[in-house]
Amino acid sequence: MTKADPNPTTPKRGRHARSDEDDEPVVESPAEETREPQTEEAEKPDEPRAEEAEAEKPDGDEKPADTTAEPEPEPARATGASRYEVPEDDAPPRRVPHAIGRHPAATPLLTAAGLVTGVGLAPLLLDRLRFGVALDAAANARSAAAPWPADAAPWFAPSWVAMLAFAVAAVVLLLALVGLRVPDVVVLGLGGVLTLTTARAAWATVDVVDAGLWELVPLCILCVLAFGLSATATARWRSAPGSDGTGGEGVGGVAAAALAAWLVVVLVLLAGAAIAASARTHAFGDADSPPQGLAGLLSVRASDGPAIDGYRGTWMAQLATAQVADDVAASAFAVVHHDRSAGLPTLLVRGDDTGAPDLDDTWWVTVAAQSFGSKAEVENWCAENGRVPPDCVPRLITD
């Protein structure tokens, strides 16, 4: 049975309309006409109008920017700068040159330089004091002092090593006084040279103790102290990054440090000479005992050697000579030198100090501290003093 349509005149709309009714006109009710646009706007509230979309459309083929997440703006870069260049604010701090007085190594380096130069200059001051202990202290200092300016004959280190140490120490003090800024590598070089040269002098402590030269122990203490301070300064050769070099020692501080080091050297040498003289006199009862070993001969030569320069070009009376190869031979010749020096001023020199072609640095010579104008005068002097060859022969001192 077929049901009749209750509203035959009402056309079917939307999805309820059948396909065979597509050609029939559809009449919208007024309520539906007003409701349909509202429904579409409710479903798409953010859809821009066509005119606004056309206005916001970018020119050319560029794609519209993504408005969902705005990227943070990149920091401004200088024109032509590389994209990998680190901004100035993030650059690591750089090391700048420092004046030596304001360097982290200033204190140990200046003190070591003061001690080295103090040992080199001490004989010049102590010789002017003109009393026994001061003259002994000056003679002791010459064992480690540079050949110039004290006219020393050092044996704590070779002459060129002692001279190099003195020159470098003087350069350190001079640079610190003028306040010249120097790179860290210069501080490393100065400290390294001082460390090596003072190490050679500090090593002589072993020979001093073995030979029983207790009067030289204070000098050894100064050399060991200079070595330790130089090594400390070398270890501190790098300055702090970003440091501007402020602080530390200025010109006044550098001068005060040098003067303090020189004063320490003079006081230590004087005290050591006084204690040694007292010990030899009261404890051992013999203030003029012969030196022991090769170190003992070297110690006496350090004080007597410079005096031979005043006899260049003259004749002297040679009282004893021997070739020394070890400590036993050195101690034996020290006794001979001691006996020849009884009641007579003498000098103990090494063979190469005389300038004679038949003597080298393995020979040791005792000469009377008196000059003569000819070989015959020496022979007459030997005869008058009851000395005969080979105990007394003429020796020409040359350059």
Protein backbone atom coordinates (compact mmCIF):
# COMPACT_ATOMS: atom_id res chain seq x y z
CA MET A 1 0.00 0.00 0.00
CA THR A 2 1.22 3.46 -0.90
CA LYS A 3 1.02 6.20 1.66
CA ALA A 4 -0.16 9.59 0.49
CA ASP A 5 2.07 12.62 1.04
CA PRO A 6 0.38 14.89 3.52
CA ASN A 7 2.02 17.95 2.01
CA PRO A 8 2.19 17.35 -1.67
CA THR A 9 2.96 20.95 -2.47
CA THR A 10 5.96 21.31 -0.15
CA PRO A 11 9.26 20.59 -1.97
CA LYS A 12 11.94 18.55 -0.22
CA ARG A 13 15.20 20.30 0.73
CA GLY A 14 18.81 19.46 1.47
CA ARG A 15 19.83 15.91 1.97
CA HIS A 16 16.21 14.80 2.20
CA ALA A 17 15.60 15.67 -1.42
CA ARG A 18 15.72 12.78 -3.85
CA SER A 19 17.90 12.80 -6.90
CA ASP A 20 15.00 12.78 -9.25
CA GLU A 21 13.76 16.04 -7.73
CA ASP A 22 16.98 18.04 -8.37
CA ASP A 23 15.39 19.84 -11.29
CA GLU A 24 12.59 21.16 -9.21
CA PRO A 25 12.97 24.68 -7.84
CA VAL A 26 13.69 24.98 -4.13
CA VAL A 27 12.03 27.73 -2.18
CA GLU A 28 13.83 28.75 1.03
CA SER A 29 11.84 30.02 3.94
CA PRO A 30 12.73 33.45 5.36
CA ALA A 31 13.80 31.94 8.64
CA GLU A 32 16.19 29.60 6.95
CA GLU A 33 17.65 32.40 4.83
CA THR A 34 18.65 34.31 7.91
CA ARG A 35 19.79 31.23 9.81
CA GLU A 36 22.11 29.68 7.18
CA PRO A 37 24.72 32.50 7.07
CA GLN A 38 24.81 32.62 10.87
CA THR A 39 25.55 28.91 10.98
CA GLU A 40 28.44 29.26 8.52
CA GLU A 41 29.94 32.22 10.41
CA ALA A 42 29.71 30.32 13.69
CA GLU A 43 31.55 27.37 12.23
CA LYS A 44 34.31 29.59 10.77
CA PRO A 45 34.73 32.58 13.07
CA ASP A 46 38.38 33.30 12.19
CA GLU A 47 38.08 33.08 8.41
CA PRO A 48 39.18 36.44 6.93
CA ARG A 49 37.19 38.17 4.37
CA ALA A 50 38.18 37.89 0.73
CA GLU A 51 39.22 41.54 0.54
CA GLU A 52 41.43 41.28 3.64
CA ALA A 53 42.97 38.03 2.37
CA GLU A 54 43.86 39.71 -0.92
CA ALA A 55 45.41 42.68 0.90
CA GLU A 56 47.50 40.43 3.19
CA LYS A 57 48.68 38.16 0.39
CA PRO A 58 52.47 38.64 -0.09
CA ASP A 59 53.86 39.83 -3.37
CA GLY A 60 55.45 37.48 -5.84
CA ASP A 61 56.01 33.84 -4.97
CA GLU A 62 56.80 34.37 -1.32
CA LYS A 63 54.88 32.20 1.08
CA PRO A 64 52.83 33.85 3.77
CA ALA A 65 54.55 34.02 7.15
CA ASP A 66 53.53 31.55 9.76
CA THR A 67 51.52 33.46 12.31
CA THR A 68 51.27 30.61 14.79
CA ALA A 69 54.72 31.29 16.41
CA GLU A 70 56.70 34.47 15.95
CA PRO A 71 60.53 33.81 15.94
CA GLU A 72 62.75 35.91 18.14
CA PRO A 73 64.73 38.52 16.20
CA GLU A 74 68.40 37.68 15.62
CA PRO A 75 70.99 39.99 17.20
CA ALA A 76 72.25 42.68 14.91
CA ARG A 77 75.60 41.98 13.29
CA ALA A 78 78.08 44.37 11.81
CA THR A 79 78.04 44.68 8.06
CA GLY A 80 80.22 42.01 6.46
CA ALA A 81 80.70 40.06 9.72
CA SER A 82 80.82 36.30 9.53
CA ARG A 83 77.86 34.36 10.84
CA TYR A 84 80.30 32.34 12.95
CA GLU A 85 81.96 35.35 14.52
CA VAL A 86 81.69 35.47 18.33
CA PRO A 87 80.09 38.69 19.57
CA GLU A 88 82.40 41.02 21.43
CA ASP A 89 80.51 40.55 24.69
CA ASP A 90 81.13 36.78 24.56
CA ALA A 91 84.85 36.98 23.57
CA PRO A 92 87.25 35.36 26.08
CA PRO A 93 89.45 37.76 28.10
CA ARG A 94 92.93 38.30 26.71
CA ARG A 95 96.27 38.49 28.54
CA VAL A 96 97.86 41.89 28.34
CA PRO A 97 101.55 42.69 28.97
CA HIS A 98 102.41 43.57 32.57
CA ALA A 99 105.21 45.56 34.11
CA ILE A 100 107.47 43.16 36.02
CA GLY A 101 106.71 44.94 39.28
CA ARG A 102 102.99 44.26 38.77
CA HIS A 103 103.28 40.70 37.47
CA PRO A 104 102.17 37.70 39.60
CA ALA A 105 105.85 36.60 39.65
CA ALA A 106 107.06 40.02 40.85
CA THR A 107 107.87 39.22 44.50
CA PRO A 108 110.00 36.06 44.01
CA LEU A 109 111.61 37.34 40.82
CA LEU A 110 112.63 40.71 42.26
CA THR A 111 113.91 39.12 45.47
CA ALA A 112 116.01 36.58 43.55
CA ALA A 113 117.41 39.32 41.33
CA GLY A 114 118.25 41.38 44.41
CA LEU A 115 120.12 38.47 46.02
CA VAL A 116 122.14 37.72 42.88
CA THR A 117 123.14 41.33 42.30
CA GLY A 118 123.78 41.75 46.02
CA VAL A 119 126.32 38.91 46.04
CA GLY A 120 128.02 40.47 43.01
CA LEU A 121 128.22 43.95 44.56
CA ALA A 122 128.94 42.98 48.18
CA PRO A 123 132.75 42.66 47.77
CA LEU A 124 132.96 46.25 46.53
CA LEU A 125 131.26 47.48 49.70
CA LEU A 126 132.92 45.11 52.17
CA ASP A 127 136.41 45.91 50.90
CA ARG A 128 135.84 49.55 51.84
CA LEU A 129 135.05 48.69 55.47
CA ARG A 130 138.70 47.78 56.09
CA PHE A 131 138.34 45.45 59.06
CA GLY A 132 138.99 41.73 59.37
CA VAL A 133 135.47 40.31 59.36
CA ALA A 134 134.40 42.51 56.45
CA LEU A 135 137.45 41.51 54.41
CA ASP A 136 136.76 37.84 55.14
CA ALA A 137 133.13 38.31 54.10
CA ALA A 138 134.24 39.96 50.85
CA ALA A 139 136.59 37.06 50.15
CA ASN A 140 133.77 34.58 50.78
CA ALA A 141 131.41 36.46 48.49
CA ARG A 142 133.90 36.27 45.64
CA SER A 143 133.40 32.50 45.59
CA ALA A 144 130.03 33.06 43.91
CA ALA A 145 130.25 36.68 42.69
CA ALA A 146 130.49 37.49 39.00
CA PRO A 147 133.94 38.35 37.58
CA TRP A 148 132.68 41.89 37.09
CA PRO A 149 132.32 44.31 38.80
CA ALA A 150 133.89 42.78 41.91
CA ASP A 151 137.01 41.33 40.19
CA ALA A 152 136.05 37.92 41.52
CA ALA A 153 137.28 34.45 40.62
CA PRO A 154 134.07 32.47 41.29
CA TRP A 155 134.10 28.72 41.70
CA PHE A 156 130.51 28.13 42.83
CA ALA A 157 129.78 28.37 39.10
CA PRO A 158 131.93 28.94 36.01
CA SER A 159 132.77 32.58 35.41
CA TRP A 160 130.46 32.89 32.40
CA VAL A 161 127.57 31.37 34.36
CA ALA A 162 128.08 33.78 37.26
CA MET A 163 128.32 36.69 34.82
CA LEU A 164 125.14 35.62 33.02
CA ALA A 165 123.24 35.38 36.31
CA PHE A 166 124.38 38.86 37.35
CA ALA A 167 123.48 40.38 33.96
CA VAL A 168 119.99 38.83 33.88
CA ALA A 169 119.31 39.89 37.47
CA ALA A 170 120.35 43.45 36.62
CA VAL A 171 118.03 43.44 33.59
CA VAL A 172 115.12 42.28 35.77
CA LEU A 173 115.65 45.14 38.22
CA LEU A 174 116.10 47.67 35.43
CA LEU A 175 112.90 46.63 33.62
CA ALA A 176 110.99 46.71 36.90
CA LEU A 177 112.28 50.19 37.76
CA VAL A 178 111.32 51.72 34.39
CA GLY A 179 107.92 50.01 34.51
CA LEU A 180 108.14 48.65 30.96
CA ARG A 181 105.31 46.26 30.12
CA VAL A 182 106.61 42.91 28.86
CA PRO A 183 104.82 39.74 27.64
CA ASP A 184 104.57 36.70 29.87
CA VAL A 185 107.13 34.86 27.75
CA VAL A 186 109.78 37.46 28.70
CA VAL A 187 109.10 36.79 32.38
CA LEU A 188 109.42 33.06 31.67
CA GLY A 189 112.77 33.57 29.94
CA LEU A 190 114.25 35.77 32.66
CA GLY A 191 113.06 33.47 35.43
CA GLY A 192 114.29 30.37 33.59
CA VAL A 193 117.80 31.75 33.07
CA LEU A 194 118.04 32.79 36.72
CA THR A 195 116.82 29.35 37.80
CA LEU A 196 119.47 27.52 35.76
CA THR A 197 122.37 29.77 36.74
CA THR A 198 121.54 29.84 40.45
CA ALA A 199 121.02 26.07 40.40
CA ARG A 200 124.68 25.63 39.47
CA ALA A 201 125.74 27.87 42.37
CA ALA A 202 123.35 26.14 44.79
CA TRP A 203 124.84 22.75 43.86
CA ALA A 204 128.21 23.92 45.21
CA THR A 205 126.73 23.51 48.70
CA VAL A 206 127.61 19.81 48.47
CA ASP A 207 131.30 20.60 47.89
CA VAL A 208 131.31 23.19 50.67
CA VAL A 209 129.93 20.75 53.23
CA ASP A 210 132.25 17.93 52.12
CA ALA A 211 135.29 20.22 52.45
CA GLY A 212 134.18 21.57 55.82
CA LEU A 213 134.25 25.20 54.59
CA TRP A 214 131.77 26.39 57.19
CA GLU A 215 132.53 30.05 56.55
CA LEU A 216 130.95 29.60 53.11
CA VAL A 217 127.71 28.09 54.42
CA PRO A 218 125.99 31.54 54.65
CA LEU A 219 126.88 32.14 51.01
CA CYS A 220 125.41 28.75 50.14
CA ILE A 221 122.19 29.71 51.92
CA LEU A 222 121.92 32.83 49.77
CA CYS A 223 122.49 30.83 46.59
CA VAL A 224 119.92 28.18 47.52
CA LEU A 225 117.41 30.89 48.43
CA ALA A 226 117.97 32.66 45.10
CA PHE A 227 117.48 29.37 43.27
CA GLY A 228 114.20 28.62 45.07
CA LEU A 229 112.82 32.10 44.42
CA SER A 230 113.81 31.97 40.75
CA ALA A 231 112.08 28.62 40.32
CA THR A 232 108.96 29.99 42.01
CA ALA A 233 108.93 33.02 39.71
CA THR A 234 109.31 30.77 36.67
CA ALA A 235 106.31 28.71 37.77
CA ARG A 236 104.23 31.91 38.02
CA TRP A 237 105.13 33.26 34.58
CA ARG A 238 101.52 33.35 33.30
CA SER A 239 99.41 36.36 34.18
CA ALA A 240 95.67 36.16 34.80
CA PRO A 241 93.43 36.61 31.70
CA GLY A 242 91.71 39.97 31.63
CA SER A 243 93.99 41.44 34.28
CA ASP A 244 94.99 45.04 33.65
CA GLY A 245 98.27 44.81 35.54
CA THR A 246 97.22 46.98 38.46
CA GLY A 247 98.51 46.25 41.92
CA GLY A 248 101.87 44.76 42.80
CA GLU A 249 105.10 46.67 43.15
CA GLY A 250 105.55 50.12 41.65
CA VAL A 251 108.86 51.92 41.22
CA GLY A 252 109.15 52.59 44.96
CA GLY A 253 108.33 48.97 45.79
CA VAL A 254 110.90 47.65 43.33
CA ALA A 255 113.63 49.90 44.77
CA ALA A 256 112.68 48.89 48.32
CA ALA A 257 112.78 45.18 47.41
CA ALA A 258 116.23 45.50 45.81
CA LEU A 259 117.67 47.45 48.75
CA ALA A 260 116.20 44.97 51.24
CA ALA A 261 117.76 42.04 49.35
CA TRP A 262 121.16 43.77 49.24
CA LEU A 263 120.99 44.49 52.96
CA VAL A 264 120.18 40.84 53.67
CA VAL A 265 123.21 39.74 51.62
CA VAL A 266 125.61 42.05 53.49
CA LEU A 267 124.27 41.08 56.92
CA VAL A 268 124.35 37.35 56.19
CA LEU A 269 127.90 37.50 54.84
CA LEU A 270 129.16 39.56 57.78
CA ALA A 271 127.43 37.34 60.33
CA GLY A 272 128.73 34.20 58.64
CA ALA A 273 132.31 35.47 58.54
CA ALA A 274 132.18 36.53 62.19
CA ILE A 275 130.75 33.18 63.34
CA ALA A 276 133.29 31.22 61.30
CA ALA A 277 136.22 33.23 62.66
CA SER A 278 135.01 32.76 66.21
CA ALA A 279 134.50 29.04 65.71
CA ARG A 280 137.97 28.54 64.25
CA THR A 281 139.62 30.46 67.07
CA HIS A 282 137.73 29.20 70.12
CA ALA A 283 136.39 25.80 69.17
CA PHE A 284 139.37 24.52 67.22
CA GLY A 285 142.13 26.77 68.52
CA ASP A 286 143.55 27.31 65.03
CA ALA A 287 142.28 30.23 63.03
CA ASP A 288 144.58 29.50 60.08
CA SER A 289 144.10 25.78 59.51
CA PRO A 290 144.75 24.54 55.95
CA PRO A 291 141.71 24.24 53.68
CA GLN A 292 140.42 20.77 52.85
CA GLY A 293 139.92 19.27 49.42
CA LEU A 294 139.69 20.93 46.05
CA ALA A 295 136.82 23.09 47.28
CA GLY A 296 139.15 24.45 49.95
CA LEU A 297 141.74 25.49 47.36
CA LEU A 298 139.05 27.06 45.23
CA SER A 299 137.80 29.02 48.21
CA VAL A 300 141.24 30.49 48.93
CA ARG A 301 141.79 31.21 45.25
CA ALA A 302 138.45 33.06 45.09
CA SER A 303 139.83 35.60 47.56
CA ASP A 304 143.46 35.64 46.37
CA GLY A 305 142.93 35.29 42.63
CA PRO A 306 141.80 38.88 41.90
CA ALA A 307 144.90 40.25 43.63
CA ILE A 308 147.15 38.63 41.04
CA ASP A 309 145.87 41.09 38.44
CA GLY A 310 147.94 43.82 40.11
CA TYR A 311 151.12 41.91 39.35
CA ARG A 312 150.67 41.45 35.60
CA GLY A 313 153.87 42.13 33.70
CA THR A 314 156.12 41.67 36.75
CA TRP A 315 158.24 38.89 38.27
CA MET A 316 157.19 37.08 41.44
CA ALA A 317 158.79 34.45 43.69
CA GLN A 318 157.13 31.06 43.23
CA LEU A 319 157.26 29.26 46.59
CA ALA A 320 155.39 26.03 45.79
CA THR A 321 153.61 24.34 42.91
CA ALA A 322 151.80 21.05 42.38
CA GLN A 323 149.42 19.39 39.98
CA VAL A 324 146.13 18.56 41.69
CA ALA A 325 143.77 15.93 40.35
CA ASP A 326 141.59 15.03 43.35
CA ASP A 327 140.67 16.06 46.87
CA VAL A 328 143.52 14.08 48.45
CA ALA A 329 146.14 15.92 46.37
CA ALA A 330 144.34 19.22 47.02
CA SER A 331 144.42 18.75 50.80
CA ALA A 332 148.12 17.80 50.63
CA PHE A 333 149.01 20.93 48.68
CA ALA A 334 146.91 23.05 51.05
CA VAL A 335 149.25 21.97 53.87
CA VAL A 336 152.29 22.95 51.78
CA HIS A 337 150.74 26.33 51.00
CA HIS A 338 150.00 26.84 54.69
CA ASP A 339 153.62 26.10 55.62
CA ARG A 340 155.06 28.39 52.92
CA SER A 341 152.80 31.18 54.08
CA ALA A 342 154.06 31.15 57.67
CA GLY A 343 155.32 34.65 58.44
CA LEU A 344 155.13 35.74 54.79
CA PRO A 345 152.27 37.26 52.76
CA THR A 346 151.41 34.89 49.93
CA LEU A 347 148.82 34.33 47.26
CA LEU A 348 147.29 31.02 46.19
CA VAL A 349 146.52 31.01 42.47
CA ARG A 350 145.72 28.45 39.84
CA GLY A 351 148.11 27.79 36.98
CA ASP A 352 145.94 29.54 34.40
CA ASP A 353 145.90 32.68 36.59
CA THR A 354 149.62 33.25 35.99
CA GLY A 355 149.46 33.29 32.20
CA ALA A 356 152.46 30.96 32.02
CA PRO A 357 152.43 28.62 28.98
CA ASP A 358 153.70 25.65 31.01
CA LEU A 359 150.86 25.79 33.59
CA ASP A 360 147.18 25.00 33.03
CA ASP A 361 144.15 24.87 35.32
CA THR A 362 145.27 21.57 36.89
CA TRP A 363 148.28 23.25 38.53
CA TRP A 364 148.27 25.24 41.77
CA VAL A 365 150.90 27.81 42.68
CA THR A 366 151.93 29.65 45.85
CA VAL A 367 153.66 32.97 45.17
CA ALA A 368 155.02 35.63 47.51
CA ALA A 369 152.84 38.75 47.42
CA GLN A 370 155.69 40.94 46.18
CA SER A 371 156.69 42.10 42.71
CA PHE A 372 160.18 42.32 41.18
CA GLY A 373 161.56 44.00 38.12
CA SER A 374 163.65 41.11 36.82
CA LYS A 375 164.46 37.45 37.20
CA ALA A 376 167.76 38.27 38.93
CA GLU A 377 166.01 40.29 41.60
CA VAL A 378 163.84 37.27 42.43
CA GLU A 379 166.88 35.02 42.72
CA ASN A 380 168.60 37.50 45.07
CA TRP A 381 165.46 37.74 47.22
CA CYS A 382 165.23 33.95 47.50
CA ALA A 383 168.88 33.72 48.58
CA GLU A 384 168.47 36.45 51.17
CA ASN A 385 165.49 34.65 52.73
CA GLY A 386 167.20 31.27 52.83
CA ARG A 387 165.01 29.74 50.13
CA VAL A 388 166.58 27.70 47.37
CA PRO A 389 165.18 26.07 44.24
CA PRO A 390 162.83 24.36 43.76
CA ASP A 391 161.23 25.97 46.83
CA CYS A 392 161.83 29.45 45.42
CA VAL A 393 162.08 30.18 41.68
CA PRO A 394 161.27 33.25 39.54
CA ARG A 395 157.85 33.31 37.83
CA LEU A 396 156.82 35.91 35.26
CA ILE A 397 153.11 36.86 35.57
CA THR A 398 151.65 37.63 32.14
CA ASP A 399 148.22 38.49 30.82
